[in-house]
Amino acid sequence: MVAAGYSRYMEHYEESRLVPLPPESVFKQIDNHKNFSSHMNKSSWMMGGGSMKTIMDAGEGKQLGSHIAMDGTVMGMKVSLDEVVTKREPPYKKEWKTVGNPKLIVIGQYVMGVNIVAQGNGSKLTVFIDYEYPNKNVWLGKLFGKTYARWCVRQMISGVMVGYN
């Protein structure tokens, strides 16, 4: 399954979880992009011992067209990206995608997003990523892209779950 309008992306990964809060509360947590993507700002084995710094524009990722940039190191190599918010429909949907040429190792251009559906007294949260392999060293993307995509999606879901436990 590939997000509508993004058929050029080669791979897709998504996961869903039930969150014991209404969509408005879940969206509020997700819309704080600095916290939602905080797993990128911490050194971890998946980041090859490195980390990235998040830089927000005045819209702080909470407006259509708002930019979120990240730069840092992974396994001692410099990495960077620029994302732009392309869809924001509180409290149910948000999407962002890379623009320009991201300098990444195991994935290239990507679209990420969340879908939130009211379910009983809570919400069903789905986080997805549609991604291309990197322009250089495509073999790294084929070997490790899915593992990285899974880790990233799970980190985002865990961040939302931690906020409510």
N, C-alpha and C. Protein backbone atom coordinates (compact mmCIF):
# COMPACT_ATOMS: atom_id res chain seq x y z
N MET A 1 0.84 -1.18 0.00
CA MET A 1 0.00 0.00 0.00
C MET A 1 0.88 1.24 0.00
N VAL A 2 0.66 2.16 -0.92
CA VAL A 2 1.44 3.39 -1.02
C VAL A 2 0.49 4.56 -0.87
N ALA A 3 0.91 5.58 -0.13
CA ALA A 3 0.08 6.76 0.09
C ALA A 3 -0.35 7.35 -1.26
N ALA A 4 -1.59 7.80 -1.32
CA ALA A 4 -2.13 8.37 -2.55
C ALA A 4 -1.23 9.50 -3.04
N GLY A 5 -0.93 9.48 -4.32
CA GLY A 5 -0.13 10.54 -4.91
C GLY A 5 1.37 10.35 -4.76
N TYR A 6 1.80 9.25 -4.15
CA TYR A 6 3.22 9.04 -3.91
C TYR A 6 3.67 7.69 -4.48
N SER A 7 3.19 7.33 -5.65
CA SER A 7 3.47 6.01 -6.21
C SER A 7 4.95 5.81 -6.55
N ARG A 8 5.74 6.87 -6.61
CA ARG A 8 7.15 6.69 -6.95
C ARG A 8 7.94 6.09 -5.79
N TYR A 9 7.40 6.09 -4.60
CA TYR A 9 8.10 5.52 -3.46
C TYR A 9 8.06 4.00 -3.55
N MET A 10 9.21 3.39 -3.35
CA MET A 10 9.38 1.98 -3.63
C MET A 10 8.91 1.05 -2.51
N GLU A 11 9.03 1.49 -1.29
CA GLU A 11 8.73 0.62 -0.16
C GLU A 11 7.74 1.29 0.79
N HIS A 12 7.01 0.47 1.51
CA HIS A 12 6.02 0.96 2.46
C HIS A 12 6.13 0.16 3.75
N TYR A 13 6.00 0.84 4.87
CA TYR A 13 5.92 0.16 6.16
C TYR A 13 4.96 0.95 7.03
N GLU A 14 4.11 0.23 7.75
CA GLU A 14 3.19 0.88 8.68
C GLU A 14 2.87 -0.04 9.85
N GLU A 15 2.50 0.57 10.94
CA GLU A 15 2.01 -0.16 12.11
C GLU A 15 0.89 0.65 12.74
N SER A 16 0.00 -0.06 13.43
CA SER A 16 -1.12 0.59 14.13
C SER A 16 -1.16 0.12 15.58
N ARG A 17 -1.64 0.99 16.43
CA ARG A 17 -1.83 0.67 17.86
C ARG A 17 -3.08 1.36 18.35
N LEU A 18 -3.70 0.76 19.33
CA LEU A 18 -4.82 1.41 20.02
C LEU A 18 -4.24 2.27 21.13
N VAL A 19 -4.72 3.50 21.22
CA VAL A 19 -4.28 4.44 22.23
C VAL A 19 -5.52 4.80 23.05
N PRO A 20 -5.43 4.74 24.38
CA PRO A 20 -6.62 4.93 25.22
C PRO A 20 -7.04 6.39 25.40
N LEU A 21 -6.93 7.20 24.36
CA LEU A 21 -7.33 8.60 24.43
C LEU A 21 -8.02 9.01 23.13
N PRO A 22 -8.81 10.07 23.17
CA PRO A 22 -9.51 10.52 21.96
C PRO A 22 -8.54 11.06 20.92
N PRO A 23 -8.96 11.10 19.65
CA PRO A 23 -8.10 11.58 18.57
C PRO A 23 -7.46 12.95 18.84
N GLU A 24 -8.20 13.87 19.45
CA GLU A 24 -7.66 15.21 19.71
C GLU A 24 -6.41 15.16 20.58
N SER A 25 -6.42 14.30 21.59
CA SER A 25 -5.26 14.17 22.49
C SER A 25 -4.09 13.50 21.79
N VAL A 26 -4.38 12.50 20.97
CA VAL A 26 -3.32 11.81 20.23
C VAL A 26 -2.70 12.76 19.22
N PHE A 27 -3.53 13.51 18.50
CA PHE A 27 -3.01 14.44 17.50
C PHE A 27 -2.14 15.51 18.15
N LYS A 28 -2.53 15.99 19.31
CA LYS A 28 -1.74 17.00 20.01
C LYS A 28 -0.32 16.49 20.28
N GLN A 29 -0.21 15.24 20.68
CA GLN A 29 1.11 14.64 20.93
C GLN A 29 1.92 14.53 19.64
N ILE A 30 1.27 14.11 18.56
CA ILE A 30 1.93 13.94 17.27
C ILE A 30 2.32 15.28 16.67
N ASP A 31 1.49 16.29 16.87
CA ASP A 31 1.73 17.59 16.26
C ASP A 31 2.92 18.31 16.90
N ASN A 32 3.41 17.82 18.02
CA ASN A 32 4.63 18.35 18.62
C ASN A 32 5.79 17.57 18.00
N HIS A 33 6.19 17.99 16.81
CA HIS A 33 7.13 17.21 16.00
C HIS A 33 8.48 17.02 16.68
N LYS A 34 8.88 18.00 17.47
CA LYS A 34 10.17 17.88 18.16
C LYS A 34 10.16 16.66 19.09
N ASN A 35 9.06 16.45 19.79
CA ASN A 35 8.94 15.27 20.66
C ASN A 35 8.65 14.01 19.86
N PHE A 36 7.81 14.13 18.84
CA PHE A 36 7.40 12.96 18.06
C PHE A 36 8.58 12.32 17.34
N SER A 37 9.55 13.14 16.93
CA SER A 37 10.73 12.60 16.24
C SER A 37 11.96 12.60 17.15
N SER A 38 11.75 12.64 18.45
CA SER A 38 12.88 12.75 19.38
C SER A 38 13.82 11.54 19.34
N HIS A 39 13.35 10.39 18.83
CA HIS A 39 14.22 9.22 18.73
C HIS A 39 15.42 9.48 17.82
N MET A 40 15.31 10.45 16.93
CA MET A 40 16.41 10.80 16.03
C MET A 40 17.46 11.65 16.75
N ASN A 41 17.05 12.27 17.85
CA ASN A 41 17.94 13.19 18.57
C ASN A 41 18.76 12.51 19.66
N LYS A 42 18.59 11.20 19.80
CA LYS A 42 19.30 10.44 20.83
C LYS A 42 20.24 9.44 20.18
N SER A 43 21.39 9.28 20.78
CA SER A 43 22.33 8.27 20.29
C SER A 43 21.73 6.89 20.55
N SER A 44 21.80 6.03 19.54
CA SER A 44 21.27 4.68 19.68
C SER A 44 22.02 3.76 18.73
N TRP A 45 21.84 2.46 18.90
CA TRP A 45 22.49 1.50 18.01
C TRP A 45 21.99 1.68 16.59
N MET A 46 20.68 2.01 16.42
CA MET A 46 20.13 2.17 15.08
C MET A 46 20.68 3.43 14.40
N MET A 47 21.11 4.39 15.20
CA MET A 47 21.70 5.61 14.65
C MET A 47 23.22 5.47 14.57
N GLY A 48 23.71 4.26 14.71
CA GLY A 48 25.14 4.01 14.60
C GLY A 48 25.96 4.79 15.62
N GLY A 49 25.36 5.02 16.80
CA GLY A 49 26.03 5.76 17.85
C GLY A 49 25.94 7.27 17.67
N GLY A 50 25.36 7.73 16.58
CA GLY A 50 25.23 9.16 16.34
C GLY A 50 23.84 9.65 16.70
N SER A 51 23.57 10.89 16.37
CA SER A 51 22.26 11.48 16.60
C SER A 51 22.08 12.65 15.65
N MET A 52 20.87 13.16 15.60
CA MET A 52 20.57 14.30 14.74
C MET A 52 19.95 15.42 15.58
N LYS A 53 20.12 16.62 15.12
CA LYS A 53 19.53 17.80 15.75
C LYS A 53 18.33 18.23 14.91
N THR A 54 17.21 18.52 15.55
CA THR A 54 16.00 18.97 14.86
C THR A 54 15.95 20.49 14.86
N ILE A 55 15.72 21.06 13.69
CA ILE A 55 15.64 22.52 13.53
C ILE A 55 14.28 22.83 12.91
N MET A 56 13.49 23.63 13.61
CA MET A 56 12.13 23.93 13.16
C MET A 56 12.04 25.37 12.64
N ASP A 57 11.17 25.57 11.67
CA ASP A 57 10.89 26.94 11.24
C ASP A 57 9.85 27.55 12.18
N ALA A 58 9.38 28.74 11.88
CA ALA A 58 8.43 29.44 12.75
C ALA A 58 7.12 28.66 12.91
N GLY A 59 6.77 27.84 11.91
CA GLY A 59 5.53 27.06 11.99
C GLY A 59 5.63 25.85 12.88
N GLU A 60 6.85 25.50 13.30
CA GLU A 60 7.13 24.38 14.20
C GLU A 60 6.51 23.06 13.75
N GLY A 61 6.35 22.89 12.43
CA GLY A 61 5.78 21.65 11.92
C GLY A 61 4.28 21.54 12.15
N LYS A 62 3.65 22.65 12.54
CA LYS A 62 2.22 22.64 12.86
C LYS A 62 1.39 23.37 11.82
N GLN A 63 1.98 23.66 10.66
CA GLN A 63 1.28 24.34 9.58
C GLN A 63 1.63 23.68 8.25
N LEU A 64 0.71 23.72 7.31
CA LEU A 64 1.04 23.25 5.97
C LEU A 64 2.20 24.07 5.45
N GLY A 65 3.16 23.40 4.83
CA GLY A 65 4.33 24.08 4.28
C GLY A 65 5.43 24.32 5.29
N SER A 66 5.20 24.02 6.55
CA SER A 66 6.22 24.21 7.58
C SER A 66 7.38 23.25 7.34
N HIS A 67 8.61 23.73 7.56
CA HIS A 67 9.82 22.92 7.35
C HIS A 67 10.40 22.44 8.67
N ILE A 68 10.89 21.20 8.65
CA ILE A 68 11.58 20.57 9.76
C ILE A 68 12.88 20.03 9.19
N ALA A 69 14.00 20.52 9.66
CA ALA A 69 15.29 20.05 9.17
C ALA A 69 15.98 19.25 10.28
N MET A 70 16.80 18.31 9.87
CA MET A 70 17.60 17.54 10.82
C MET A 70 18.98 17.36 10.24
N ASP A 71 19.98 17.46 11.11
CA ASP A 71 21.34 17.12 10.67
C ASP A 71 22.11 16.54 11.84
N GLY A 72 23.12 15.75 11.50
CA GLY A 72 23.92 15.10 12.53
C GLY A 72 24.83 14.06 11.91
N THR A 73 25.11 13.01 12.69
CA THR A 73 25.98 11.95 12.21
C THR A 73 25.37 10.58 12.51
N VAL A 74 25.68 9.63 11.63
CA VAL A 74 25.31 8.23 11.80
C VAL A 74 26.55 7.43 11.41
N MET A 75 27.02 6.59 12.32
CA MET A 75 28.23 5.80 12.08
C MET A 75 29.40 6.70 11.63
N GLY A 76 29.45 7.89 12.20
CA GLY A 76 30.52 8.82 11.89
C GLY A 76 30.35 9.58 10.57
N MET A 77 29.27 9.32 9.84
CA MET A 77 29.03 10.01 8.56
C MET A 77 28.00 11.12 8.77
N LYS A 78 28.21 12.23 8.09
CA LYS A 78 27.30 13.36 8.18
C LYS A 78 26.01 13.04 7.43
N VAL A 79 24.87 13.29 8.08
CA VAL A 79 23.57 13.08 7.47
C VAL A 79 22.73 14.34 7.67
N SER A 80 21.79 14.57 6.75
CA SER A 80 20.91 15.72 6.87
C SER A 80 19.66 15.52 6.02
N LEU A 81 18.62 16.24 6.37
CA LEU A 81 17.38 16.19 5.61
C LEU A 81 16.55 17.43 5.88
N ASP A 82 15.63 17.69 4.97
CA ASP A 82 14.65 18.77 5.13
C ASP A 82 13.29 18.16 4.81
N GLU A 83 12.35 18.33 5.72
CA GLU A 83 10.99 17.82 5.53
C GLU A 83 10.03 19.01 5.46
N VAL A 84 8.92 18.81 4.77
CA VAL A 84 7.87 19.82 4.72
C VAL A 84 6.53 19.15 5.02
N VAL A 85 5.70 19.81 5.81
CA VAL A 85 4.38 19.30 6.15
C VAL A 85 3.48 19.48 4.93
N THR A 86 2.94 18.38 4.41
CA THR A 86 2.14 18.41 3.18
C THR A 86 0.65 18.18 3.42
N LYS A 87 0.31 17.64 4.58
CA LYS A 87 -1.09 17.40 4.90
C LYS A 87 -1.25 17.54 6.42
N ARG A 88 -2.26 18.29 6.82
CA ARG A 88 -2.52 18.45 8.25
C ARG A 88 -4.02 18.64 8.42
N GLU A 89 -4.68 17.60 8.92
CA GLU A 89 -6.13 17.61 9.09
C GLU A 89 -6.45 17.20 10.53
N PRO A 90 -6.25 18.13 11.49
CA PRO A 90 -6.49 17.81 12.90
C PRO A 90 -7.93 17.37 13.11
N PRO A 91 -8.17 16.40 13.93
CA PRO A 91 -7.22 15.58 14.68
C PRO A 91 -6.99 14.20 14.07
N TYR A 92 -7.08 14.09 12.73
CA TYR A 92 -7.06 12.76 12.11
C TYR A 92 -5.88 12.43 11.21
N LYS A 93 -5.27 13.41 10.57
CA LYS A 93 -4.20 13.10 9.61
C LYS A 93 -3.10 14.15 9.65
N LYS A 94 -1.89 13.65 9.40
CA LYS A 94 -0.76 14.54 9.19
C LYS A 94 0.25 13.79 8.34
N GLU A 95 0.82 14.48 7.35
CA GLU A 95 1.87 13.89 6.51
C GLU A 95 2.96 14.92 6.28
N TRP A 96 4.16 14.43 6.10
CA TRP A 96 5.30 15.27 5.76
C TRP A 96 6.21 14.47 4.85
N LYS A 97 6.99 15.18 4.05
CA LYS A 97 7.89 14.49 3.11
C LYS A 97 9.21 15.24 3.02
N THR A 98 10.22 14.51 2.58
CA THR A 98 11.51 15.14 2.37
C THR A 98 11.45 15.99 1.10
N VAL A 99 12.22 17.06 1.11
CA VAL A 99 12.38 17.91 -0.06
C VAL A 99 13.87 18.08 -0.30
N GLY A 100 14.22 18.43 -1.51
CA GLY A 100 15.63 18.55 -1.84
C GLY A 100 16.26 17.18 -1.91
N ASN A 101 17.53 17.10 -1.57
CA ASN A 101 18.27 15.84 -1.60
C ASN A 101 18.69 15.45 -0.19
N PRO A 102 17.90 14.62 0.47
CA PRO A 102 18.33 14.21 1.81
C PRO A 102 19.64 13.44 1.74
N LYS A 103 20.48 13.70 2.69
CA LYS A 103 21.75 12.98 2.77
C LYS A 103 21.59 11.93 3.87
N LEU A 104 21.10 10.76 3.46
CA LEU A 104 20.83 9.67 4.38
C LEU A 104 21.56 8.42 3.91
N ILE A 105 21.56 7.37 4.71
CA ILE A 105 22.37 6.20 4.40
C ILE A 105 21.56 5.01 3.88
N VAL A 106 20.45 4.65 4.55
CA VAL A 106 19.72 3.45 4.13
C VAL A 106 18.36 3.73 3.52
N ILE A 107 17.89 4.97 3.56
CA ILE A 107 16.69 5.35 2.83
C ILE A 107 16.99 6.66 2.11
N GLY A 108 16.18 6.97 1.11
CA GLY A 108 16.31 8.22 0.38
C GLY A 108 15.11 9.10 0.66
N GLN A 109 14.50 9.62 -0.41
CA GLN A 109 13.29 10.43 -0.25
C GLN A 109 12.21 9.60 0.44
N TYR A 110 11.38 10.27 1.24
CA TYR A 110 10.29 9.56 1.90
C TYR A 110 9.11 10.46 2.19
N VAL A 111 7.98 9.82 2.42
CA VAL A 111 6.76 10.45 2.93
C VAL A 111 6.44 9.70 4.20
N MET A 112 6.18 10.44 5.28
CA MET A 112 5.72 9.82 6.52
C MET A 112 4.38 10.42 6.88
N GLY A 113 3.62 9.69 7.65
CA GLY A 113 2.35 10.24 8.06
C GLY A 113 1.69 9.44 9.15
N VAL A 114 0.63 10.02 9.67
CA VAL A 114 -0.17 9.38 10.69
C VAL A 114 -1.64 9.49 10.31
N ASN A 115 -2.38 8.47 10.67
CA ASN A 115 -3.82 8.45 10.56
C ASN A 115 -4.36 8.07 11.92
N ILE A 116 -5.36 8.81 12.38
CA ILE A 116 -5.96 8.56 13.69
C ILE A 116 -7.46 8.37 13.47
N VAL A 117 -7.99 7.28 14.00
CA VAL A 117 -9.41 6.97 13.87
C VAL A 117 -9.98 6.74 15.26
N ALA A 118 -11.08 7.42 15.57
CA ALA A 118 -11.74 7.20 16.86
C ALA A 118 -12.20 5.75 16.91
N GLN A 119 -11.93 5.11 18.04
CA GLN A 119 -12.33 3.72 18.21
C GLN A 119 -12.71 3.51 19.67
N GLY A 120 -14.01 3.33 19.92
CA GLY A 120 -14.49 3.18 21.29
C GLY A 120 -14.15 4.43 22.09
N ASN A 121 -13.53 4.23 23.26
CA ASN A 121 -13.13 5.36 24.11
C ASN A 121 -11.74 5.86 23.78
N GLY A 122 -11.14 5.32 22.74
CA GLY A 122 -9.77 5.70 22.40
C GLY A 122 -9.62 5.96 20.92
N SER A 123 -8.43 5.67 20.43
CA SER A 123 -8.10 5.93 19.03
C SER A 123 -7.22 4.82 18.47
N LYS A 124 -7.37 4.58 17.19
CA LYS A 124 -6.44 3.71 16.48
C LYS A 124 -5.45 4.63 15.78
N LEU A 125 -4.18 4.51 16.14
CA LEU A 125 -3.11 5.31 15.56
C LEU A 125 -2.34 4.46 14.57
N THR A 126 -2.22 4.94 13.34
CA THR A 126 -1.40 4.29 12.32
C THR A 126 -0.30 5.26 11.91
N VAL A 127 0.94 4.80 11.95
CA VAL A 127 2.09 5.57 11.48
C VAL A 127 2.66 4.82 10.29
N PHE A 128 2.96 5.54 9.19
CA PHE A 128 3.50 4.89 8.00
C PHE A 128 4.67 5.67 7.44
N ILE A 129 5.45 4.97 6.63
CA ILE A 129 6.51 5.59 5.84
C ILE A 129 6.53 4.93 4.46
N ASP A 130 6.55 5.75 3.42
CA ASP A 130 6.78 5.30 2.04
C ASP A 130 8.13 5.87 1.67
N TYR A 131 9.05 5.02 1.24
CA TYR A 131 10.41 5.50 1.02
C TYR A 131 11.07 4.89 -0.21
N GLU A 132 12.02 5.65 -0.73
CA GLU A 132 12.87 5.17 -1.82
C GLU A 132 14.18 4.69 -1.21
N TYR A 133 14.92 3.94 -1.98
CA TYR A 133 16.27 3.59 -1.58
C TYR A 133 17.15 4.83 -1.77
N PRO A 134 18.27 4.88 -1.09
CA PRO A 134 19.16 6.04 -1.25
C PRO A 134 19.72 6.09 -2.67
N ASN A 135 20.08 7.30 -3.11
CA ASN A 135 20.66 7.46 -4.45
C ASN A 135 21.99 6.74 -4.58
N LYS A 136 22.80 6.78 -3.52
CA LYS A 136 24.09 6.10 -3.52
C LYS A 136 23.96 4.84 -2.67
N ASN A 137 24.68 3.83 -3.02
CA ASN A 137 24.69 2.58 -2.25
C ASN A 137 23.29 2.00 -2.05
N VAL A 138 22.59 1.83 -3.17
CA VAL A 138 21.23 1.27 -3.14
C VAL A 138 21.21 -0.05 -2.37
N TRP A 139 22.28 -0.81 -2.45
CA TRP A 139 22.34 -2.11 -1.76
C TRP A 139 22.14 -1.94 -0.25
N LEU A 140 22.60 -0.81 0.32
CA LEU A 140 22.38 -0.57 1.76
C LEU A 140 20.88 -0.42 2.05
N GLY A 141 20.17 0.27 1.15
CA GLY A 141 18.73 0.42 1.31
C GLY A 141 18.00 -0.90 1.22
N LYS A 142 18.44 -1.74 0.27
CA LYS A 142 17.79 -3.04 0.12
C LYS A 142 18.06 -3.94 1.32
N LEU A 143 19.24 -3.82 1.91
CA LEU A 143 19.58 -4.63 3.08
C LEU A 143 18.98 -4.11 4.38
N PHE A 144 19.02 -2.80 4.58
CA PHE A 144 18.68 -2.24 5.89
C PHE A 144 17.52 -1.27 5.91
N GLY A 145 16.97 -0.90 4.76
CA GLY A 145 15.89 0.08 4.71
C GLY A 145 14.67 -0.33 5.50
N LYS A 146 14.24 -1.57 5.34
CA LYS A 146 13.03 -2.03 6.04
C LYS A 146 13.25 -2.06 7.55
N THR A 147 14.43 -2.47 7.97
CA THR A 147 14.74 -2.50 9.40
C THR A 147 14.70 -1.08 9.98
N TYR A 148 15.28 -0.13 9.24
CA TYR A 148 15.26 1.25 9.71
C TYR A 148 13.84 1.80 9.73
N ALA A 149 13.05 1.55 8.67
CA ALA A 149 11.67 2.03 8.60
C ALA A 149 10.86 1.47 9.77
N ARG A 150 11.01 0.19 10.06
CA ARG A 150 10.30 -0.43 11.18
C ARG A 150 10.68 0.22 12.50
N TRP A 151 11.99 0.43 12.71
CA TRP A 151 12.47 1.05 13.94
C TRP A 151 11.90 2.46 14.09
N CYS A 152 11.93 3.24 13.03
CA CYS A 152 11.46 4.62 13.08
C CYS A 152 9.96 4.68 13.40
N VAL A 153 9.16 3.89 12.71
CA VAL A 153 7.72 3.86 12.95
C VAL A 153 7.43 3.44 14.39
N ARG A 154 8.11 2.39 14.85
CA ARG A 154 7.87 1.91 16.22
C ARG A 154 8.31 2.94 17.26
N GLN A 155 9.39 3.67 17.00
CA GLN A 155 9.83 4.70 17.93
C GLN A 155 8.79 5.81 18.03
N MET A 156 8.20 6.18 16.91
CA MET A 156 7.18 7.23 16.92
C MET A 156 5.94 6.77 17.69
N ILE A 157 5.51 5.54 17.45
CA ILE A 157 4.36 5.02 18.19
C ILE A 157 4.68 4.93 19.67
N SER A 158 5.86 4.44 20.00
CA SER A 158 6.25 4.33 21.42
C SER A 158 6.27 5.69 22.09
N GLY A 159 6.71 6.72 21.38
CA GLY A 159 6.73 8.06 21.94
C GLY A 159 5.33 8.54 22.30
N VAL A 160 4.36 8.21 21.46
CA VAL A 160 2.98 8.57 21.77
C VAL A 160 2.49 7.75 22.96
N MET A 161 2.78 6.46 22.96
CA MET A 161 2.32 5.59 24.06
C MET A 161 2.94 6.00 25.40
N VAL A 162 4.22 6.34 25.40
CA VAL A 162 4.90 6.77 26.64
C VAL A 162 4.23 8.02 27.18
N GLY A 163 3.83 8.92 26.29
CA GLY A 163 3.19 10.16 26.71
C GLY A 163 1.87 9.94 27.42
N TYR A 164 1.29 8.75 27.28
CA TYR A 164 -0.01 8.49 27.87
C TYR A 164 -0.01 7.40 28.93
N ASN A 165 1.15 6.85 29.26
CA ASN A 165 1.20 5.80 30.30
C ASN A 165 1.44 6.41 31.65
